[in-house]
Protein backbone atom coordinates (compact mmCIF):
# COMPACT_ATOMS: atom_id res chain seq x y z
CA UNK A 1 55.87 20.38 23.72
CA UNK A 2 52.64 20.52 21.72
CA UNK A 3 51.10 23.84 20.57
CA UNK A 4 48.16 23.08 22.85
CA UNK A 5 50.39 22.85 25.93
CA UNK A 6 52.29 25.97 24.91
CA UNK A 7 49.14 28.06 24.52
CA UNK A 8 47.65 26.90 27.80
CA UNK A 9 50.98 27.54 29.51
CA UNK A 10 51.06 31.10 28.21
CA UNK A 11 47.54 31.73 29.47
CA UNK A 12 48.46 30.30 32.84
CA UNK A 13 51.59 32.41 33.24
CA UNK A 14 49.91 35.56 32.04
CA UNK A 15 47.21 35.24 34.64
CA UNK A 16 49.54 34.66 37.59
CA UNK A 17 48.19 31.19 38.27
CA UNK A 18 50.28 28.59 40.12
CA UNK A 19 53.47 27.80 38.19
CA UNK A 20 52.92 24.05 38.12
CA UNK A 21 49.98 23.07 35.95
CA UNK A 22 47.71 20.35 37.22
CA UNK A 23 46.55 17.61 34.85
CA UNK A 24 42.92 18.78 34.83
CA UNK A 25 43.99 22.30 33.92
CA UNK A 26 45.57 20.97 30.70
CA UNK A 27 43.38 17.95 29.97
CA UNK A 28 40.08 19.79 30.38
CA UNK A 29 41.15 22.75 28.27
CA UNK A 30 39.57 23.44 24.89
CA UNK A 31 39.99 25.91 22.08
CA UNK A 32 38.10 26.83 18.92
CA UNK A 33 38.33 29.31 16.07
CA UNK A 34 35.12 30.83 14.74
CA UNK A 35 35.04 32.59 11.38
CA UNK A 36 32.18 34.99 10.65
CA UNK A 37 31.62 36.53 7.24
CA UNK A 38 28.92 39.16 7.75
CA UNK A 39 27.05 41.32 5.22
CA UNK A 40 24.69 43.96 6.64
CA UNK A 41 22.33 46.14 4.57
CA UNK A 42 19.79 48.51 6.15
CA UNK A 43 17.63 50.76 3.95
CA UNK A 44 16.05 53.60 5.94
CA UNK A 45 13.47 54.27 3.22
CA UNK A 46 14.19 58.00 3.34
CA UNK A 47 15.09 60.60 0.72
CA UNK A 48 15.66 63.68 2.91
CA UNK A 49 18.28 62.20 5.27
CA UNK A 50 20.71 59.30 5.53
CA UNK A 51 19.10 56.56 3.48
CA UNK A 52 21.31 53.49 3.80
CA UNK A 53 23.80 51.55 5.91
CA UNK A 54 25.65 48.74 4.14
CA UNK A 55 28.90 46.99 5.13
CA UNK A 56 30.66 43.66 4.62
CA UNK A 57 33.25 42.35 7.06
CA UNK A 58 35.17 39.24 8.11
CA UNK A 59 35.53 38.30 11.76
CA UNK A 60 37.83 35.85 13.57
CA UNK A 61 37.09 34.76 17.14
CA UNK A 62 39.66 32.56 18.92
CA UNK A 63 38.30 31.10 22.15
CA UNK A 64 40.50 29.27 24.68
CA UNK A 65 39.23 27.83 27.95
CA UNK A 66 41.39 26.05 30.49
CA UNK A 67 40.27 23.44 32.95
CA UNK A 68 40.76 23.97 36.69
CA UNK A 69 43.79 23.16 38.83
CA UNK A 70 43.35 20.36 41.36
CA UNK A 71 42.51 21.07 45.00
CA UNK A 72 39.62 22.34 47.10
CA UNK A 73 39.69 25.56 45.09
CA UNK A 74 40.50 25.16 41.41
CA UNK A 75 41.86 28.01 39.32
CA UNK A 76 41.76 28.58 35.59
CA UNK A 77 41.75 31.18 32.86
CA UNK A 78 39.78 31.84 29.67
CA UNK A 79 40.78 34.07 26.79
CA UNK A 80 39.17 35.33 23.63
CA UNK A 81 41.06 37.04 20.82
CA UNK A 82 38.95 38.85 18.21
CA UNK A 83 39.81 40.42 14.86
CA UNK A 84 37.51 42.25 12.44
CA UNK A 85 38.46 43.12 8.86
CA UNK A 86 36.59 45.47 6.53
CA UNK A 87 35.75 43.94 3.16
CA UNK A 88 33.46 46.66 1.83
CA UNK A 89 32.15 49.96 3.19
CA UNK A 90 31.84 53.59 2.15
CA UNK A 91 31.61 56.93 3.93
CA UNK A 92 27.92 57.21 3.13
CA UNK A 93 26.98 53.68 4.18
CA UNK A 94 29.03 53.09 7.36
CA UNK A 95 27.55 52.74 10.84
CA UNK A 96 26.15 49.22 10.66
CA UNK A 97 27.68 48.18 13.97
CA UNK A 98 30.05 45.72 12.29
CA UNK A 99 33.08 48.05 12.33
CA UNK A 100 34.30 51.00 14.43
CA UNK A 101 33.92 54.49 12.98
CA UNK A 102 37.06 56.08 11.54
CA UNK A 103 36.21 59.63 12.61
CA UNK A 104 35.50 60.92 9.11
CA UNK A 105 32.17 59.28 8.33
CA UNK A 106 33.54 55.89 7.35
CA UNK A 107 34.73 52.73 9.10
CA UNK A 108 38.14 51.50 10.18
CA UNK A 109 39.83 48.91 7.97
CA UNK A 110 40.44 46.55 10.88
CA UNK A 111 40.18 46.27 14.64
CA UNK A 112 41.09 43.77 17.32
CA UNK A 113 40.02 42.94 20.86
CA UNK A 114 41.38 40.73 23.63
CA UNK A 115 39.21 39.42 26.47
CA UNK A 116 40.84 37.58 29.40
CA UNK A 117 38.96 36.09 32.34
CA UNK A 118 40.38 34.55 35.51
CA UNK A 119 38.19 31.94 37.17
CA UNK A 120 37.98 29.92 40.35
CA UNK A 121 35.81 26.94 41.27
CA UNK A 122 34.86 25.40 44.58
CA UNK A 123 32.37 22.54 44.64
CA UNK A 124 29.64 23.54 42.12
CA UNK A 125 30.24 27.28 42.35
CA UNK A 126 32.38 29.45 40.08
CA UNK A 127 33.74 32.99 40.27
CA UNK A 128 34.89 34.76 37.10
CA UNK A 129 36.74 38.09 37.04
CA UNK A 130 37.67 40.07 33.95
CA UNK A 131 35.92 40.09 30.57
CA UNK A 132 32.46 38.54 30.83
CA UNK A 133 29.61 37.36 28.63
CA UNK A 134 26.31 36.16 30.08
CA UNK A 135 22.58 35.86 29.54
CA UNK A 136 20.11 36.48 32.36
CA UNK A 137 16.76 38.25 32.81
CA UNK A 138 18.46 41.27 34.35
CA UNK A 139 21.39 41.73 31.94
CA UNK A 140 22.54 39.95 28.76
CA UNK A 141 25.47 40.36 26.40
CA UNK A 142 24.81 41.15 22.75
CA UNK A 143 26.23 38.93 20.00
CA UNK A 144 24.29 40.08 16.96
CA UNK A 145 27.12 41.68 14.98
CA UNK A 146 30.58 40.70 13.72
CA UNK A 147 32.21 40.42 17.17
CA UNK A 148 30.52 39.92 20.55
CA UNK A 149 29.98 42.57 23.22
CA UNK A 150 31.58 42.03 26.64
CA UNK A 151 31.34 43.45 30.16
CA UNK A 152 34.20 44.00 32.60
CA UNK A 153 33.70 42.94 36.20
CA UNK A 154 33.00 39.89 38.37
CA UNK A 155 30.38 37.13 38.06
CA UNK A 156 29.49 34.50 40.66
CA UNK A 157 27.43 31.38 39.86
CA UNK A 158 26.31 29.16 42.75
CA UNK A 159 24.67 25.73 42.34
CA UNK A 160 25.08 24.17 45.78
CA UNK A 161 21.38 23.50 46.42
CA UNK A 162 19.55 20.98 44.26
CA UNK A 163 17.29 22.66 41.66
CA UNK A 164 18.43 26.16 42.68
CA UNK A 165 20.79 28.30 40.58
CA UNK A 166 22.02 31.62 41.99
CA UNK A 167 23.87 34.32 40.09
CA UNK A 168 25.26 37.71 41.04
CA UNK A 169 27.98 40.14 40.21
CA UNK A 170 29.14 43.63 39.42
CA UNK A 171 30.13 45.28 36.14
CA UNK A 172 32.04 48.54 35.89
CA UNK A 173 32.52 48.89 32.13
CA UNK A 174 31.12 47.74 28.79
CA UNK A 175 32.80 47.12 25.44
CA UNK A 176 30.31 47.35 22.57
CA UNK A 177 30.38 44.98 19.59
CA UNK A 178 32.29 47.33 17.29
CA UNK A 179 34.37 49.05 19.99
CA UNK A 180 37.94 48.35 21.07
CA UNK A 181 37.62 50.28 24.34
CA UNK A 182 35.72 49.78 27.56
CA UNK A 183 33.41 52.70 28.41
CA UNK A 184 30.99 53.69 31.14
CA UNK A 185 27.47 52.25 30.88
CA UNK A 186 24.34 54.19 29.95
CA UNK A 187 20.63 53.37 29.99
CA UNK A 188 18.92 52.87 26.65
CA UNK A 189 16.48 55.75 25.89
CA UNK A 190 17.05 57.05 29.45
CA UNK A 191 20.59 58.40 29.24
CA UNK A 192 23.07 59.09 32.03
CA UNK A 193 26.39 57.32 32.61
CA UNK A 194 27.47 54.95 35.36
CA UNK A 195 30.50 52.82 36.24
CA UNK A 196 28.61 50.36 38.43
CA UNK A 197 25.94 47.77 37.65
CA UNK A 198 25.24 45.36 40.51
CA UNK A 199 22.89 42.41 40.13
CA UNK A 200 21.77 39.20 41.76
CA UNK A 201 19.04 36.61 41.59
CA UNK A 202 18.16 33.00 41.11
CA UNK A 203 16.06 30.39 39.36
CA UNK A 204 14.39 27.41 41.05
CA UNK A 205 13.20 24.32 39.18
CA UNK A 206 10.09 23.20 41.08
CA UNK A 207 9.57 20.29 38.67
CA UNK A 208 11.31 19.27 35.43
CA UNK A 209 8.58 21.25 33.65
CA UNK A 210 8.30 24.36 35.89
CA UNK A 211 10.99 26.97 36.64
CA UNK A 212 10.56 30.31 38.43
CA UNK A 213 13.09 33.11 38.78
CA UNK A 214 13.55 36.39 40.62
CA UNK A 215 16.32 38.86 39.77
CA UNK A 216 17.40 42.36 40.79
CA UNK A 217 19.80 44.85 39.25
CA UNK A 218 20.78 48.48 39.68
CA UNK A 219 22.67 50.78 37.34
CA UNK A 220 24.06 53.10 39.99
CA UNK A 221 22.55 56.60 40.06
CA UNK A 222 20.25 55.81 37.10
CA UNK A 223 17.77 52.95 37.62
CA UNK A 224 16.99 49.84 39.64
CA UNK A 225 14.94 46.92 38.40
CA UNK A 226 13.15 43.85 39.77
CA UNK A 227 12.43 40.98 37.36
CA UNK A 228 10.28 37.87 37.87
CA UNK A 229 10.01 34.96 35.44
CA UNK A 230 7.94 31.77 35.15
CA UNK A 231 8.48 29.10 32.47
CA UNK A 232 6.34 25.97 32.13
CA UNK A 233 6.62 23.18 29.57
CA UNK A 234 3.53 21.00 29.23
CA UNK A 235 4.10 17.72 27.31
CA UNK A 236 1.07 16.76 25.26
CA UNK A 237 2.33 13.48 23.83
CA UNK A 238 3.04 12.40 20.25
CA UNK A 239 5.68 15.08 19.63
CA UNK A 240 3.49 17.86 21.02
CA UNK A 241 4.10 20.37 23.81
CA UNK A 242 2.94 23.77 25.04
CA UNK A 243 5.49 26.19 26.48
CA UNK A 244 4.39 29.15 28.61
CA UNK A 245 6.90 31.96 29.23
CA UNK A 246 5.77 34.76 31.59
CA UNK A 247 7.86 37.83 32.52
CA UNK A 248 7.19 40.85 34.72
CA UNK A 249 9.46 43.69 35.83
CA UNK A 250 9.29 46.95 37.77
CA UNK A 251 11.85 49.70 37.26
CA UNK A 252 12.39 52.94 39.15
CA UNK A 253 15.07 55.57 39.61
CA UNK A 254 18.28 55.10 41.55
CA UNK A 255 19.72 58.37 42.78
CA UNK A 256 18.77 61.80 41.50
CA UNK A 257 19.48 61.48 37.78
CA UNK A 258 15.76 61.59 36.89
CA UNK A 259 12.49 59.98 37.93
CA UNK A 260 11.92 56.60 36.26
CA UNK A 261 8.66 54.69 36.24
CA UNK A 262 8.18 51.54 34.15
CA UNK A 263 6.32 48.26 34.54
CA UNK A 264 6.75 45.63 31.83
CA UNK A 265 4.70 42.47 31.33
CA UNK A 266 5.40 39.84 28.70
CA UNK A 267 3.85 36.48 27.83
CA UNK A 268 4.81 34.03 25.10
CA UNK A 269 2.98 30.79 24.35
CA UNK A 270 4.50 28.25 21.96
CA UNK A 271 2.74 25.11 20.71
CA UNK A 272 5.05 22.53 19.14
CA UNK A 273 3.84 19.76 16.84
CA UNK A 274 6.61 17.69 15.28
CA UNK A 275 8.77 20.06 13.25
CA UNK A 276 6.25 22.91 13.56
CA UNK A 277 6.13 25.55 16.33
CA UNK A 278 3.36 28.15 16.59
CA UNK A 279 3.90 31.10 18.92
CA UNK A 280 1.75 33.95 20.22
CA UNK A 281 3.06 36.77 22.41
CA UNK A 282 1.87 39.88 24.22
CA UNK A 283 3.95 42.67 25.78
CA UNK A 284 2.76 45.71 27.73
CA UNK A 285 4.66 48.75 28.99
CA UNK A 286 3.08 50.84 31.77
CA UNK A 287 4.28 54.00 33.47
CA UNK A 288 5.88 57.28 32.48
CA UNK A 289 9.04 55.85 30.89
CA UNK A 290 10.26 53.20 28.44
CA UNK A 291 11.82 49.94 29.67
CA UNK A 292 15.36 50.72 30.93
CA UNK A 293 18.34 48.51 30.18
CA UNK A 294 22.06 48.93 29.55
CA UNK A 295 22.61 50.36 26.07
CA UNK A 296 24.39 47.97 23.65
CA UNK A 297 23.17 44.94 25.65
CA UNK A 298 20.07 42.79 25.08
CA UNK A 299 16.83 43.41 27.01
CA UNK A 300 14.95 40.36 28.30
CA UNK A 301 11.66 41.04 26.53
CA UNK A 302 9.42 38.64 24.57
CA UNK A 303 9.09 41.21 21.78
CA UNK A 304 12.77 42.11 21.54
CA UNK A 305 13.38 41.03 17.95
CA UNK A 306 15.80 41.75 15.07
CA UNK A 307 15.50 45.56 15.09
CA UNK A 308 12.94 46.78 17.66
CA UNK A 309 12.24 46.01 21.31
CA UNK A 310 8.67 47.42 21.39
CA UNK A 311 9.47 48.88 24.82
CA UNK A 312 8.47 52.52 24.35
CA UNK A 313 6.45 54.41 26.94
CA UNK A 314 2.96 52.86 27.33
CA UNK A 315 3.46 50.61 24.29
CA UNK A 316 1.30 47.51 23.76
CA UNK A 317 2.51 44.89 21.29
CA UNK A 318 1.43 41.51 19.95
CA UNK A 319 3.49 38.81 18.24
CA UNK A 320 2.63 35.89 15.97
CA UNK A 321 5.47 33.48 15.19
CA UNK A 322 6.02 30.30 13.19
CA UNK A 323 9.10 28.02 13.18
CA UNK A 324 9.81 24.91 11.14
CA UNK A 325 12.63 22.40 11.55
CA UNK A 326 13.20 20.52 8.30
CA UNK A 327 14.80 17.63 10.18
CA UNK A 328 11.24 16.32 10.57
CA UNK A 329 11.17 15.61 6.80
CA UNK A 330 14.71 14.33 6.60
CA UNK A 331 16.71 17.56 6.07
CA UNK A 332 18.62 18.08 9.35
CA UNK A 333 20.34 21.42 9.79
CA UNK A 334 17.77 23.45 7.81
CA UNK A 335 15.46 25.73 9.84
CA UNK A 336 12.98 28.49 9.07
CA UNK A 337 11.38 31.20 11.24
CA UNK A 338 8.99 34.05 10.54
CA UNK A 339 7.18 36.42 12.93
CA UNK A 340 5.10 39.57 12.91
CA UNK A 341 4.94 42.09 15.78
CA UNK A 342 2.52 45.00 15.96
CA UNK A 343 2.78 47.80 18.54
CA UNK A 344 0.49 50.71 19.36
CA UNK A 345 -0.51 53.13 22.13
CA UNK A 346 3.02 54.60 22.18
CA UNK A 347 3.27 57.86 24.12
CA UNK A 348 5.08 60.06 21.61
CA UNK A 349 6.04 63.55 22.80
CA UNK A 350 4.72 66.52 20.79
CA UNK A 351 2.27 64.37 18.80
CA UNK A 352 -1.46 64.44 19.02
CA UNK A 353 -1.86 60.85 17.82
CA UNK A 354 -0.54 57.66 19.40
CA UNK A 355 2.56 56.03 18.04
CA UNK A 356 2.24 52.83 16.04
CA UNK A 357 4.83 50.48 14.58
CA UNK A 358 5.19 46.96 13.24
CA UNK A 359 8.04 44.62 12.34
CA UNK A 360 8.19 41.48 10.24
CA UNK A 361 11.17 39.07 10.48
CA UNK A 362 12.24 36.01 8.53
CA UNK A 363 15.26 33.75 9.20
CA UNK A 364 16.44 30.88 7.02
CA UNK A 365 19.46 28.95 8.29
CA UNK A 366 21.39 25.85 7.30
CA UNK A 367 24.26 24.12 9.10
CA UNK A 368 26.20 21.41 7.24
CA UNK A 369 25.85 18.20 9.23
CA UNK A 370 28.79 16.13 7.99
CA UNK A 371 31.77 15.82 5.69
CA UNK A 372 34.71 18.23 5.35
CA UNK A 373 32.39 21.27 5.70
CA UNK A 374 30.69 20.04 8.87
CA UNK A 375 29.54 22.97 11.11
CA UNK A 376 29.58 25.46 8.21
CA UNK A 377 26.53 27.65 8.74
CA UNK A 378 24.69 30.02 6.42
CA UNK A 379 21.93 32.33 7.64
CA UNK A 380 19.78 34.95 5.92
CA UNK A 381 17.95 37.37 8.23
CA UNK A 382 15.35 39.71 6.75
CA UNK A 383 13.35 42.42 8.52
CA UNK A 384 10.82 45.10 7.60
CA UNK A 385 9.83 47.91 9.98
CA UNK A 386 7.16 50.57 9.54
CA UNK A 387 6.43 53.32 12.07
CA UNK A 388 4.58 56.63 12.30
CA UNK A 389 7.13 58.04 14.79
CA UNK A 390 10.45 56.44 13.75
CA UNK A 391 12.33 55.26 10.69
CA UNK A 392 10.86 52.90 8.13
CA UNK A 393 13.46 50.17 7.60
CA UNK A 394 14.14 47.29 5.23
CA UNK A 395 17.05 45.14 6.38
CA UNK A 396 18.97 42.09 5.24
CA UNK A 397 21.80 40.27 6.95
CA UNK A 398 23.80 37.42 5.41
CA UNK A 399 26.00 35.51 7.84
CA UNK A 400 28.42 32.75 6.89
CA UNK A 401 30.02 31.10 9.92
CA UNK A 402 32.37 28.21 10.58
CA UNK A 403 33.71 26.94 13.89
CA UNK A 404 36.83 24.80 13.97
CA UNK A 405 37.66 22.89 17.15
CA UNK A 406 41.42 23.24 17.74
CA UNK A 407 41.44 20.72 20.61
């Protein structure tokens, strides 16, 4: 028996699936091992408080996905084993989000996580139960550190009607990037705790160039949110296009935790010419509160960038962005991005002047395209933040990654 068959058999037995594997369950299975070497350095530009966070760690992410058993309803199982190892950290520089805290001001030497998901498929619809990762306008998993963040719950995807994709589900817990335990969910900047986030919505592709979406979610007893999206891609010929990305949401309280009032509008326009892409964005918060979303997850905002989300109460922000793909001059795998975001009009409590902030980002990435090091990736992420109501930050991240297909 091959190692592949043994591993899939273990997954199948551990998830109480039918004892006799169907051919598709084995043949459609796949597995990969991702290695992430991650260096994180954040300088808070302060002398009267904590001034620095710097850590270096090695991550291993083993992903295994089965196919589905034969029949009207197919069953399968996915699993993800994760291990993080500390390479360098100190009591005064811990807290980067790469490693769990050790309880004495430093970081743990190592930590591991296991994520198992049972799944079922009928026609073009799937139901997944267990550990979940997803990206949607109403809730998205975060994967910006050493190991990914996961939710616990159930997720249903339905694609039975041509051009229409429906999604819904319920989460009851969250496991943050550097955590080994599931915990209750809380709302970023809002507070409170909840063990129930229910959501649903869909996207409809009116034409190959135009897609509209409407989504709803509620973090029980804290907030509820409606989110509408519109994306249009206009081909202009000769390697040119104009992409329009519009987003609007309304959020209000759910239950008696506290009153919540937020309206968020975002627009991003991107003009592509060959290997060049020029972007311009605008984001506006209205109401008495900042934009609410589940803490440790990613908000669906056009100005959510490397460090900031520019989603404070009454904040207005603008973005200018430039991307270049060096494949257009014969260097495939090499990419560059830079952007600048400026925010103002922030309602800052106990201050007579409005809050202002800005952030500048730069990413340079290269992925080896062939040979024995194919898929080896190297990325440098740099950010600078200045604010009159928060921390000034200089940040660098160096990420070396390699994904090996096991089968």
